[in-house]
Amino acid sequence: MKAATPYNRFLRRAATDKRLLPSHISLYTAMYYFYPLDSSDRFFKVSRRALMRYSHIRSVATYHKCVRELVAYGYLIYLPSYDPYKASIISLTIPTETRSIQL
């Protein structure tokens, strides 16, 4: 039996969420790749450029659409930096029927 890692919980939830497209899943996977597992802080910094490269999203508009929808669906908390030289702050969550689980 597989361990219930945060990413496994996300995939189980995403499998039943008809709103998610492959671009959402690939972006969330890229975010999870940069998630610092050794940190006690649930928020971490990551750049749009790195996320786009790892998720194979080529359009900035698609990236922002996916981020906006993942926030609206409860899969993450996103605090943009608005500075091209500073990374944005992200916290990954997994929505349940009643609330979100913080990773």
PDB file of N, CA and C in Angstrom:
ATOM      1  N   MET A   1       0.839  -1.173   0.000  1.00  0.00           N
ATOM      2  CA  MET A   1       0.000   0.000   0.000  1.00  0.00           C
ATOM      3  C   MET A   1       0.889   1.241   0.000  1.00  0.00           C
ATOM      4  N   LYS A   2       0.567   2.213  -0.822  1.00  0.00           N
ATOM      5  CA  LYS A   2       1.363   3.425  -0.922  1.00  0.00           C
ATOM      6  C   LYS A   2       1.141   4.327   0.289  1.00  0.00           C
ATOM      7  N   ALA A   3       2.209   5.026   0.659  1.00  0.00           N
ATOM      8  CA  ALA A   3       2.092   6.001   1.738  1.00  0.00           C
ATOM      9  C   ALA A   3       1.278   7.194   1.254  1.00  0.00           C
ATOM     10  N   ALA A   4       0.577   7.822   2.156  1.00  0.00           N
ATOM     11  CA  ALA A   4      -0.272   8.969   1.806  1.00  0.00           C
ATOM     12  C   ALA A   4       0.563  10.245   1.838  1.00  0.00           C
ATOM     13  N   THR A   5       1.420  10.418   0.842  1.00  0.00           N
ATOM     14  CA  THR A   5       2.205  11.641   0.752  1.00  0.00           C
ATOM     15  C   THR A   5       1.299  12.768   0.285  1.00  0.00           C
ATOM     16  N   PRO A   6       1.694  14.013   0.519  1.00  0.00           N
ATOM     17  CA  PRO A   6       0.863  15.121   0.044  1.00  0.00           C
ATOM     18  C   PRO A   6       0.605  15.066  -1.463  1.00  0.00           C
ATOM     19  N   TYR A   7       1.601  14.645  -2.230  1.00  0.00           N
ATOM     20  CA  TYR A   7       1.400  14.584  -3.678  1.00  0.00           C
ATOM     21  C   TYR A   7       0.419  13.475  -4.062  1.00  0.00           C
ATOM     22  N   ASN A   8       0.477  12.337  -3.376  1.00  0.00           N
ATOM     23  CA  ASN A   8      -0.484  11.262  -3.632  1.00  0.00           C
ATOM     24  C   ASN A   8      -1.898  11.716  -3.297  1.00  0.00           C
ATOM     25  N   ARG A   9      -2.058  12.462  -2.195  1.00  0.00           N
ATOM     26  CA  ARG A   9      -3.374  12.994  -1.839  1.00  0.00           C
ATOM     27  C   ARG A   9      -3.869  13.956  -2.912  1.00  0.00           C
ATOM     28  N   PHE A  10      -2.954  14.789  -3.437  1.00  0.00           N
ATOM     29  CA  PHE A  10      -3.336  15.703  -4.516  1.00  0.00           C
ATOM     30  C   PHE A  10      -3.818  14.932  -5.740  1.00  0.00           C
ATOM     31  N   LEU A  11      -3.074  13.912  -6.146  1.00  0.00           N
ATOM     32  CA  LEU A  11      -3.443  13.154  -7.336  1.00  0.00           C
ATOM     33  C   LEU A  11      -4.783  12.445  -7.169  1.00  0.00           C
ATOM     34  N   ARG A  12      -5.028  11.903  -5.986  1.00  0.00           N
ATOM     35  CA  ARG A  12      -6.327  11.259  -5.752  1.00  0.00           C
ATOM     36  C   ARG A  12      -7.451  12.278  -5.855  1.00  0.00           C
ATOM     37  N   ARG A  13      -7.246  13.460  -5.309  1.00  0.00           N
ATOM     38  CA  ARG A  13      -8.267  14.509  -5.370  1.00  0.00           C
ATOM     39  C   ARG A  13      -8.417  15.031  -6.793  1.00  0.00           C
ATOM     40  N   ALA A  14      -7.308  15.224  -7.500  1.00  0.00           N
ATOM     41  CA  ALA A  14      -7.341  15.745  -8.869  1.00  0.00           C
ATOM     42  C   ALA A  14      -8.025  14.767  -9.819  1.00  0.00           C
ATOM     43  N   ALA A  15      -7.932  13.480  -9.537  1.00  0.00           N
ATOM     44  CA  ALA A  15      -8.548  12.477 -10.411  1.00  0.00           C
ATOM     45  C   ALA A  15     -10.063  12.613 -10.447  1.00  0.00           C
ATOM     46  N   THR A  16     -10.651  13.141  -9.395  1.00  0.00           N
ATOM     47  CA  THR A  16     -12.103  13.290  -9.348  1.00  0.00           C
ATOM     48  C   THR A  16     -12.563  14.720  -9.639  1.00  0.00           C
ATOM     49  N   ASP A  17     -11.621  15.637  -9.770  1.00  0.00           N
ATOM     50  CA  ASP A  17     -11.961  17.045 -10.023  1.00  0.00           C
ATOM     51  C   ASP A  17     -11.981  17.294 -11.526  1.00  0.00           C
ATOM     52  N   LYS A  18     -13.165  17.387 -12.093  1.00  0.00           N
ATOM     53  CA  LYS A  18     -13.326  17.532 -13.548  1.00  0.00           C
ATOM     54  C   LYS A  18     -12.894  18.902 -14.063  1.00  0.00           C
ATOM     55  N   ARG A  19     -12.674  19.872 -13.172  1.00  0.00           N
ATOM     56  CA  ARG A  19     -12.264  21.214 -13.597  1.00  0.00           C
ATOM     57  C   ARG A  19     -10.789  21.265 -13.995  1.00  0.00           C
ATOM     58  N   LEU A  20      -9.990  20.338 -13.485  1.00  0.00           N
ATOM     59  CA  LEU A  20      -8.551  20.372 -13.727  1.00  0.00           C
ATOM     60  C   LEU A  20      -8.186  19.814 -15.094  1.00  0.00           C
ATOM     61  N   LEU A  21      -7.300  20.518 -15.759  1.00  0.00           N
ATOM     62  CA  LEU A  21      -6.760  20.108 -17.053  1.00  0.00           C
ATOM     63  C   LEU A  21      -5.320  19.629 -16.852  1.00  0.00           C
ATOM     64  N   PRO A  22      -4.724  19.006 -17.857  1.00  0.00           N
ATOM     65  CA  PRO A  22      -3.328  18.587 -17.727  1.00  0.00           C
ATOM     66  C   PRO A  22      -2.378  19.742 -17.378  1.00  0.00           C
ATOM     67  N   SER A  23      -2.668  20.943 -17.842  1.00  0.00           N
ATOM     68  CA  SER A  23      -1.806  22.080 -17.517  1.00  0.00           C
ATOM     69  C   SER A  23      -1.855  22.406 -16.023  1.00  0.00           C
ATOM     70  N   HIS A  24      -3.021  22.249 -15.381  1.00  0.00           N
ATOM     71  CA  HIS A  24      -3.121  22.479 -13.941  1.00  0.00           C
ATOM     72  C   HIS A  24      -2.286  21.448 -13.180  1.00  0.00           C
ATOM     73  N   ILE A  25      -2.420  20.194 -13.572  1.00  0.00           N
ATOM     74  CA  ILE A  25      -1.712  19.115 -12.882  1.00  0.00           C
ATOM     75  C   ILE A  25      -0.211  19.253 -13.078  1.00  0.00           C
ATOM     76  N   SER A  26       0.206  19.604 -14.277  1.00  0.00           N
ATOM     77  CA  SER A  26       1.629  19.761 -14.538  1.00  0.00           C
ATOM     78  C   SER A  26       2.199  20.950 -13.772  1.00  0.00           C
ATOM     79  N   LEU A  27       1.453  22.037 -13.652  1.00  0.00           N
ATOM     80  CA  LEU A  27       1.917  23.187 -12.889  1.00  0.00           C
ATOM     81  C   LEU A  27       1.996  22.856 -11.401  1.00  0.00           C
ATOM     82  N   TYR A  28       0.996  22.173 -10.862  1.00  0.00           N
ATOM     83  CA  TYR A  28       1.017  21.776  -9.459  1.00  0.00           C
ATOM     84  C   TYR A  28       2.192  20.825  -9.198  1.00  0.00           C
ATOM     85  N   THR A  29       2.463  19.936 -10.142  1.00  0.00           N
ATOM     86  CA  THR A  29       3.596  19.027 -10.010  1.00  0.00           C
ATOM     87  C   THR A  29       4.910  19.794  -9.970  1.00  0.00           C
ATOM     88  N   ALA A  30       5.049  20.797 -10.818  1.00  0.00           N
ATOM     89  CA  ALA A  30       6.251  21.633 -10.810  1.00  0.00           C
ATOM     90  C   ALA A  30       6.380  22.375  -9.482  1.00  0.00           C
ATOM     91  N   MET A  31       5.269  22.867  -8.956  1.00  0.00           N
ATOM     92  CA  MET A  31       5.309  23.543  -7.659  1.00  0.00           C
ATOM     93  C   MET A  31       5.731  22.579  -6.557  1.00  0.00           C
ATOM     94  N   TYR A  32       5.192  21.375  -6.603  1.00  0.00           N
ATOM     95  CA  TYR A  32       5.561  20.374  -5.594  1.00  0.00           C
ATOM     96  C   TYR A  32       7.037  20.010  -5.699  1.00  0.00           C
ATOM     97  N   TYR A  33       7.583  20.020  -6.893  1.00  0.00           N
ATOM     98  CA  TYR A  33       8.999  19.732  -7.082  1.00  0.00           C
ATOM     99  C   TYR A  33       9.862  20.737  -6.302  1.00  0.00           C
ATOM    100  N   PHE A  34       9.446  21.997  -6.280  1.00  0.00           N
ATOM    101  CA  PHE A  34      10.192  23.037  -5.587  1.00  0.00           C
ATOM    102  C   PHE A  34       9.820  23.171  -4.112  1.00  0.00           C
ATOM    103  N   TYR A  35       8.839  22.411  -3.655  1.00  0.00           N
ATOM    104  CA  TYR A  35       8.396  22.472  -2.258  1.00  0.00           C
ATOM    105  C   TYR A  35       9.513  21.973  -1.349  1.00  0.00           C
ATOM    106  N   PRO A  36       9.956  22.775  -0.374  1.00  0.00           N
ATOM    107  CA  PRO A  36      11.045  22.359   0.512  1.00  0.00           C
ATOM    108  C   PRO A  36      10.539  21.393   1.583  1.00  0.00           C
ATOM    109  N   LEU A  37      10.823  20.120   1.428  1.00  0.00           N
ATOM    110  CA  LEU A  37      10.318  19.111   2.351  1.00  0.00           C
ATOM    111  C   LEU A  37      10.956  19.194   3.731  1.00  0.00           C
ATOM    112  N   ASP A  38      12.131  19.803   3.825  1.00  0.00           N
ATOM    113  CA  ASP A  38      12.824  19.873   5.106  1.00  0.00           C
ATOM    114  C   ASP A  38      12.471  21.135   5.904  1.00  0.00           C
ATOM    115  N   SER A  39      11.608  21.969   5.384  1.00  0.00           N
ATOM    116  CA  SER A  39      11.261  23.229   6.033  1.00  0.00           C
ATOM    117  C   SER A  39       9.974  23.086   6.840  1.00  0.00           C
ATOM    118  N   SER A  40       9.915  23.773   7.978  1.00  0.00           N
ATOM    119  CA  SER A  40       8.693  23.762   8.778  1.00  0.00           C
ATOM    120  C   SER A  40       7.703  24.821   8.286  1.00  0.00           C
ATOM    121  N   ASP A  41       8.178  25.752   7.472  1.00  0.00           N
ATOM    122  CA  ASP A  41       7.322  26.795   6.920  1.00  0.00           C
ATOM    123  C   ASP A  41       6.586  26.248   5.708  1.00  0.00           C
ATOM    124  N   ARG A  42       5.265  26.412   5.673  1.00  0.00           N
ATOM    125  CA  ARG A  42       4.502  25.865   4.551  1.00  0.00           C
ATOM    126  C   ARG A  42       4.539  26.765   3.328  1.00  0.00           C
ATOM    127  N   PHE A  43       5.042  27.992   3.465  1.00  0.00           N
ATOM    128  CA  PHE A  43       5.174  28.907   2.332  1.00  0.00           C
ATOM    129  C   PHE A  43       6.590  28.826   1.782  1.00  0.00           C
ATOM    130  N   PHE A  44       6.736  28.915   0.469  1.00  0.00           N
ATOM    131  CA  PHE A  44       8.045  28.883  -0.155  1.00  0.00           C
ATOM    132  C   PHE A  44       8.042  29.782  -1.379  1.00  0.00           C
ATOM    133  N   LYS A  45       9.247  30.163  -1.813  1.00  0.00           N
ATOM    134  CA  LYS A  45       9.389  31.057  -2.958  1.00  0.00           C
ATOM    135  C   LYS A  45       9.754  30.259  -4.198  1.00  0.00           C
ATOM    136  N   VAL A  46       9.200  30.698  -5.327  1.00  0.00           N
ATOM    137  CA  VAL A  46       9.520  30.064  -6.598  1.00  0.00           C
ATOM    138  C   VAL A  46       9.253  31.071  -7.717  1.00  0.00           C
ATOM    139  N   SER A  47      10.032  30.962  -8.773  1.00  0.00           N
ATOM    140  CA  SER A  47       9.884  31.912  -9.882  1.00  0.00           C
ATOM    141  C   SER A  47       8.963  31.360 -10.965  1.00  0.00           C
ATOM    142  N   ARG A  48       8.293  32.268 -11.634  1.00  0.00           N
ATOM    143  CA  ARG A  48       7.410  31.894 -12.736  1.00  0.00           C
ATOM    144  C   ARG A  48       8.199  31.197 -13.833  1.00  0.00           C
ATOM    145  N   ARG A  49       9.362  31.699 -14.119  1.00  0.00           N
ATOM    146  CA  ARG A  49      10.195  31.125 -15.185  1.00  0.00           C
ATOM    147  C   ARG A  49      10.504  29.650 -14.905  1.00  0.00           C
ATOM    148  N   ALA A  50      10.882  29.347 -13.680  1.00  0.00           N
ATOM    149  CA  ALA A  50      11.194  27.956 -13.328  1.00  0.00           C
ATOM    150  C   ALA A  50       9.946  27.084 -13.406  1.00  0.00           C
ATOM    151  N   LEU A  51       8.829  27.587 -12.904  1.00  0.00           N
ATOM    152  CA  LEU A  51       7.594  26.792 -12.951  1.00  0.00           C
ATOM    153  C   LEU A  51       7.146  26.536 -14.379  1.00  0.00           C
ATOM    154  N   MET A  52       7.270  27.550 -15.225  1.00  0.00           N
ATOM    155  CA  MET A  52       6.884  27.362 -16.627  1.00  0.00           C
ATOM    156  C   MET A  52       7.798  26.345 -17.304  1.00  0.00           C
ATOM    157  N   ARG A  53       9.073  26.391 -16.997  1.00  0.00           N
ATOM    158  CA  ARG A  53      10.017  25.451 -17.608  1.00  0.00           C
ATOM    159  C   ARG A  53       9.709  24.019 -17.178  1.00  0.00           C
ATOM    160  N   TYR A  54       9.493  23.804 -15.888  1.00  0.00           N
ATOM    161  CA  TYR A  54       9.265  22.451 -15.381  1.00  0.00           C
ATOM    162  C   TYR A  54       7.879  21.910 -15.723  1.00  0.00           C
ATOM    163  N   SER A  55       6.905  22.794 -15.885  1.00  0.00           N
ATOM    164  CA  SER A  55       5.556  22.328 -16.207  1.00  0.00           C
ATOM    165  C   SER A  55       5.290  22.282 -17.709  1.00  0.00           C
ATOM    166  N   HIS A  56       6.234  22.751 -18.506  1.00  0.00           N
ATOM    167  CA  HIS A  56       6.111  22.797 -19.968  1.00  0.00           C
ATOM    168  C   HIS A  56       4.952  23.682 -20.421  1.00  0.00           C
ATOM    169  N   ILE A  57       4.684  24.717 -19.651  1.00  0.00           N
ATOM    170  CA  ILE A  57       3.705  25.723 -20.062  1.00  0.00           C
ATOM    171  C   ILE A  57       4.483  26.813 -20.772  1.00  0.00           C
ATOM    172  N   ARG A  58       4.115  27.113 -22.000  1.00  0.00           N
ATOM    173  CA  ARG A  58       4.876  28.075 -22.812  1.00  0.00           C
ATOM    174  C   ARG A  58       4.289  29.487 -22.797  1.00  0.00           C
ATOM    175  N   SER A  59       3.039  29.618 -22.484  1.00  0.00           N
ATOM    176  CA  SER A  59       2.376  30.919 -22.531  1.00  0.00           C
ATOM    177  C   SER A  59       2.229  31.500 -21.120  1.00  0.00           C
ATOM    178  N   VAL A  60       2.630  32.761 -20.970  1.00  0.00           N
ATOM    179  CA  VAL A  60       2.462  33.442 -19.684  1.00  0.00           C
ATOM    180  C   VAL A  60       0.979  33.541 -19.337  1.00  0.00           C
ATOM    181  N   ALA A  61       0.141  33.756 -20.336  1.00  0.00           N
ATOM    182  CA  ALA A  61      -1.301  33.842 -20.099  1.00  0.00           C
ATOM    183  C   ALA A  61      -1.850  32.515 -19.558  1.00  0.00           C
ATOM    184  N   THR A  62      -1.402  31.401 -20.110  1.00  0.00           N
ATOM    185  CA  THR A  62      -1.836  30.088 -19.627  1.00  0.00           C
ATOM    186  C   THR A  62      -1.348  29.855 -18.208  1.00  0.00           C
ATOM    187  N   TYR A  63      -0.113  30.241 -17.936  1.00  0.00           N
ATOM    188  CA  TYR A  63       0.442  30.100 -16.579  1.00  0.00           C
ATOM    189  C   TYR A  63      -0.433  30.855 -15.574  1.00  0.00           C
ATOM    190  N   HIS A  64      -0.722  32.121 -15.854  1.00  0.00           N
ATOM    191  CA  HIS A  64      -1.504  32.929 -14.923  1.00  0.00           C
ATOM    192  C   HIS A  64      -2.940  32.419 -14.805  1.00  0.00           C
ATOM    193  N   LYS A  65      -3.503  31.918 -15.888  1.00  0.00           N
ATOM    194  CA  LYS A  65      -4.842  31.333 -15.844  1.00  0.00           C
ATOM    195  C   LYS A  65      -4.856  30.112 -14.936  1.00  0.00           C
ATOM    196  N   CYS A  66      -3.868  29.247 -15.079  1.00  0.00           N
ATOM    197  CA  CYS A  66      -3.789  28.040 -14.256  1.00  0.00           C
ATOM    198  C   CYS A  66      -3.584  28.384 -12.783  1.00  0.00           C
ATOM    199  N   VAL A  67      -2.710  29.341 -12.501  1.00  0.00           N
ATOM    200  CA  VAL A  67      -2.486  29.750 -11.112  1.00  0.00           C
ATOM    201  C   VAL A  67      -3.777  30.314 -10.529  1.00  0.00           C
ATOM    202  N   ARG A  68      -4.429  31.206 -11.258  1.00  0.00           N
ATOM    203  CA  ARG A  68      -5.674  31.821 -10.793  1.00  0.00           C
ATOM    204  C   ARG A  68      -6.732  30.743 -10.507  1.00  0.00           C
ATOM    205  N   GLU A  69      -6.855  29.766 -11.381  1.00  0.00           N
ATOM    206  CA  GLU A  69      -7.849  28.715 -11.179  1.00  0.00           C
ATOM    207  C   GLU A  69      -7.460  27.773 -10.038  1.00  0.00           C
ATOM    208  N   LEU A  70      -6.188  27.449  -9.891  1.00  0.00           N
ATOM    209  CA  LEU A  70      -5.763  26.606  -8.771  1.00  0.00           C
ATOM    210  C   LEU A  70      -6.031  27.299  -7.436  1.00  0.00           C
ATOM    211  N   VAL A  71      -5.866  28.612  -7.384  1.00  0.00           N
ATOM    212  CA  VAL A  71      -6.202  29.369  -6.179  1.00  0.00           C
ATOM    213  C   VAL A  71      -7.713  29.317  -5.946  1.00  0.00           C
ATOM    214  N   ALA A  72      -8.488  29.572  -6.989  1.00  0.00           N
ATOM    215  CA  ALA A  72      -9.948  29.571  -6.868  1.00  0.00           C
ATOM    216  C   ALA A  72     -10.483  28.200  -6.458  1.00  0.00           C
ATOM    217  N   TYR A  73      -9.850  27.121  -6.923  1.00  0.00           N
ATOM    218  CA  TYR A  73     -10.296  25.762  -6.612  1.00  0.00           C
ATOM    219  C   TYR A  73      -9.792  25.287  -5.258  1.00  0.00           C
ATOM    220  N   GLY A  74      -8.914  26.058  -4.605  1.00  0.00           N
ATOM    221  CA  GLY A  74      -8.427  25.705  -3.279  1.00  0.00           C
ATOM    222  C   GLY A  74      -7.174  24.857  -3.247  1.00  0.00           C
ATOM    223  N   TYR A  75      -6.464  24.735  -4.368  1.00  0.00           N
ATOM    224  CA  TYR A  75      -5.274  23.899  -4.407  1.00  0.00           C
ATOM    225  C   TYR A  75      -4.005  24.613  -3.957  1.00  0.00           C
ATOM    226  N   LEU A  76      -4.021  25.937  -3.913  1.00  0.00           N
ATOM    227  CA  LEU A  76      -2.842  26.660  -3.453  1.00  0.00           C
ATOM    228  C   LEU A  76      -3.189  28.062  -2.994  1.00  0.00           C
ATOM    229  N   ILE A  77      -2.256  28.620  -2.241  1.00  0.00           N
ATOM    230  CA  ILE A  77      -2.292  30.021  -1.839  1.00  0.00           C
ATOM    231  C   ILE A  77      -1.139  30.678  -2.579  1.00  0.00           C
ATOM    232  N   TYR A  78      -1.407  31.779  -3.253  1.00  0.00           N
ATOM    233  CA  TYR A  78      -0.415  32.427  -4.120  1.00  0.00           C
ATOM    234  C   TYR A  78      -0.306  33.889  -3.761  1.00  0.00           C
ATOM    235  N   LEU A  79       0.902  34.330  -3.439  1.00  0.00           N
ATOM    236  CA  LEU A  79       1.179  35.728  -3.131  1.00  0.00           C
ATOM    237  C   LEU A  79       2.183  36.239  -4.153  1.00  0.00           C
ATOM    238  N   PRO A  80       1.707  36.932  -5.205  1.00  0.00           N
ATOM    239  CA  PRO A  80       2.620  37.383  -6.261  1.00  0.00           C
ATOM    240  C   PRO A  80       3.550  38.484  -5.759  1.00  0.00           C
ATOM    241  N   SER A  81       4.741  38.547  -6.344  1.00  0.00           N
ATOM    242  CA  SER A  81       5.706  39.563  -5.924  1.00  0.00           C
ATOM    243  C   SER A  81       5.601  40.834  -6.755  1.00  0.00           C
ATOM    244  N   TYR A  82       5.129  40.754  -7.984  1.00  0.00           N
ATOM    245  CA  TYR A  82       5.029  41.870  -8.928  1.00  0.00           C
ATOM    246  C   TYR A  82       6.391  42.468  -9.267  1.00  0.00           C
ATOM    247  N   ASP A  83       7.459  41.849  -8.824  1.00  0.00           N
ATOM    248  CA  ASP A  83       8.815  42.296  -9.134  1.00  0.00           C
ATOM    249  C   ASP A  83       9.476  41.189  -9.956  1.00  0.00           C
ATOM    250  N   PRO A  84       9.956  41.506 -11.163  1.00  0.00           N
ATOM    251  CA  PRO A  84      10.531  40.452 -12.000  1.00  0.00           C
ATOM    252  C   PRO A  84      11.791  39.815 -11.424  1.00  0.00           C
ATOM    253  N   TYR A  85      12.396  40.451 -10.426  1.00  0.00           N
ATOM    254  CA  TYR A  85      13.630  39.916  -9.853  1.00  0.00           C
ATOM    255  C   TYR A  85      13.402  39.189  -8.530  1.00  0.00           C
ATOM    256  N   LYS A  86      12.171  39.173  -8.042  1.00  0.00           N
ATOM    257  CA  LYS A  86      11.854  38.482  -6.797  1.00  0.00           C
ATOM    258  C   LYS A  86      10.854  37.372  -7.081  1.00  0.00           C
ATOM    259  N   ALA A  87      10.991  36.281  -6.377  1.00  0.00           N
ATOM    260  CA  ALA A  87      10.102  35.149  -6.568  1.00  0.00           C
ATOM    261  C   ALA A  87       8.778  35.366  -5.843  1.00  0.00           C
ATOM    262  N   SER A  88       7.733  34.736  -6.342  1.00  0.00           N
ATOM    263  CA  SER A  88       6.431  34.771  -5.684  1.00  0.00           C
ATOM    264  C   SER A  88       6.418  33.759  -4.551  1.00  0.00           C
ATOM    265  N   ILE A  89       5.476  33.915  -3.632  1.00  0.00           N
ATOM    266  CA  ILE A  89       5.360  33.022  -2.491  1.00  0.00           C
ATOM    267  C   ILE A  89       4.128  32.145  -2.698  1.00  0.00           C
ATOM    268  N   ILE A  90       4.312  30.844  -2.449  1.00  0.00           N
ATOM    269  CA  ILE A  90       3.262  29.854  -2.697  1.00  0.00           C
ATOM    270  C   ILE A  90       3.127  28.940  -1.491  1.00  0.00           C
ATOM    271  N   SER A  91       1.912  28.500  -1.224  1.00  0.00           N
ATOM    272  CA  SER A  91       1.651  27.446  -0.256  1.00  0.00           C
ATOM    273  C   SER A  91       0.702  26.456  -0.918  1.00  0.00           C
ATOM    274  N   LEU A  92       1.073  25.190  -0.921  1.00  0.00           N
ATOM    275  CA  LEU A  92       0.245  24.150  -1.544  1.00  0.00           C
ATOM    276  C   LEU A  92      -0.790  23.648  -0.559  1.00  0.00           C
ATOM    277  N   THR A  93      -2.004  23.463  -1.035  1.00  0.00           N
ATOM    278  CA  THR A  93      -3.084  22.909  -0.226  1.00  0.00           C
ATOM    279  C   THR A  93      -3.809  21.861  -1.053  1.00  0.00           C
ATOM    280  N   ILE A  94      -4.610  21.067  -0.385  1.00  0.00           N
ATOM    281  CA  ILE A  94      -5.435  20.076  -1.082  1.00  0.00           C
ATOM    282  C   ILE A  94      -6.862  20.274  -0.613  1.00  0.00           C
ATOM    283  N   PRO A  95      -7.768  20.650  -1.503  1.00  0.00           N
ATOM    284  CA  PRO A  95      -9.149  20.872  -1.065  1.00  0.00           C
ATOM    285  C   PRO A  95      -9.852  19.559  -0.747  1.00  0.00           C
ATOM    286  N   THR A  96     -10.676  19.606   0.258  1.00  0.00           N
ATOM    287  CA  THR A  96     -11.570  18.489   0.567  1.00  0.00           C
ATOM    288  C   THR A  96     -12.984  19.002   0.339  1.00  0.00           C
ATOM    289  N   GLU A  97     -13.955  18.219   0.677  1.00  0.00           N
ATOM    290  CA  GLU A  97     -15.334  18.660   0.452  1.00  0.00           C
ATOM    291  C   GLU A  97     -15.663  19.874   1.307  1.00  0.00           C
ATOM    292  N   THR A  98     -15.082  19.977   2.512  1.00  0.00           N
ATOM    293  CA  THR A  98     -15.456  21.058   3.414  1.00  0.00           C
ATOM    294  C   THR A  98     -14.368  22.096   3.627  1.00  0.00           C
ATOM    295  N   ARG A  99     -13.090  21.712   3.504  1.00  0.00           N
ATOM    296  CA  ARG A  99     -12.010  22.658   3.764  1.00  0.00           C
ATOM    297  C   ARG A  99     -10.748  22.224   3.039  1.00  0.00           C
ATOM    298  N   SER A 100      -9.680  23.043   3.137  1.00  0.00           N
ATOM    299  CA  SER A 100      -8.408  22.718   2.520  1.00  0.00           C
ATOM    300  C   SER A 100      -7.444  22.178   3.562  1.00  0.00           C
ATOM    301  N   ILE A 101      -6.614  21.251   3.155  1.00  0.00           N
ATOM    302  CA  ILE A 101      -5.573  20.687   4.009  1.00  0.00           C
ATOM    303  C   ILE A 101      -4.270  21.379   3.653  1.00  0.00           C
ATOM    304  N   GLN A 102      -3.572  21.941   4.621  1.00  0.00           N
ATOM    305  CA  GLN A 102      -2.288  22.584   4.388  1.00  0.00           C
ATOM    306  C   GLN A 102      -1.204  21.513   4.333  1.00  0.00           C
ATOM    307  N   LEU A 103      -0.314  21.590   3.331  1.00  0.00           N
ATOM    308  CA  LEU A 103       0.799  20.644   3.246  1.00  0.00           C
ATOM    309  C   LEU A 103       1.913  21.075   4.145  1.00  0.00           C
TER     310      LEU A 103
END
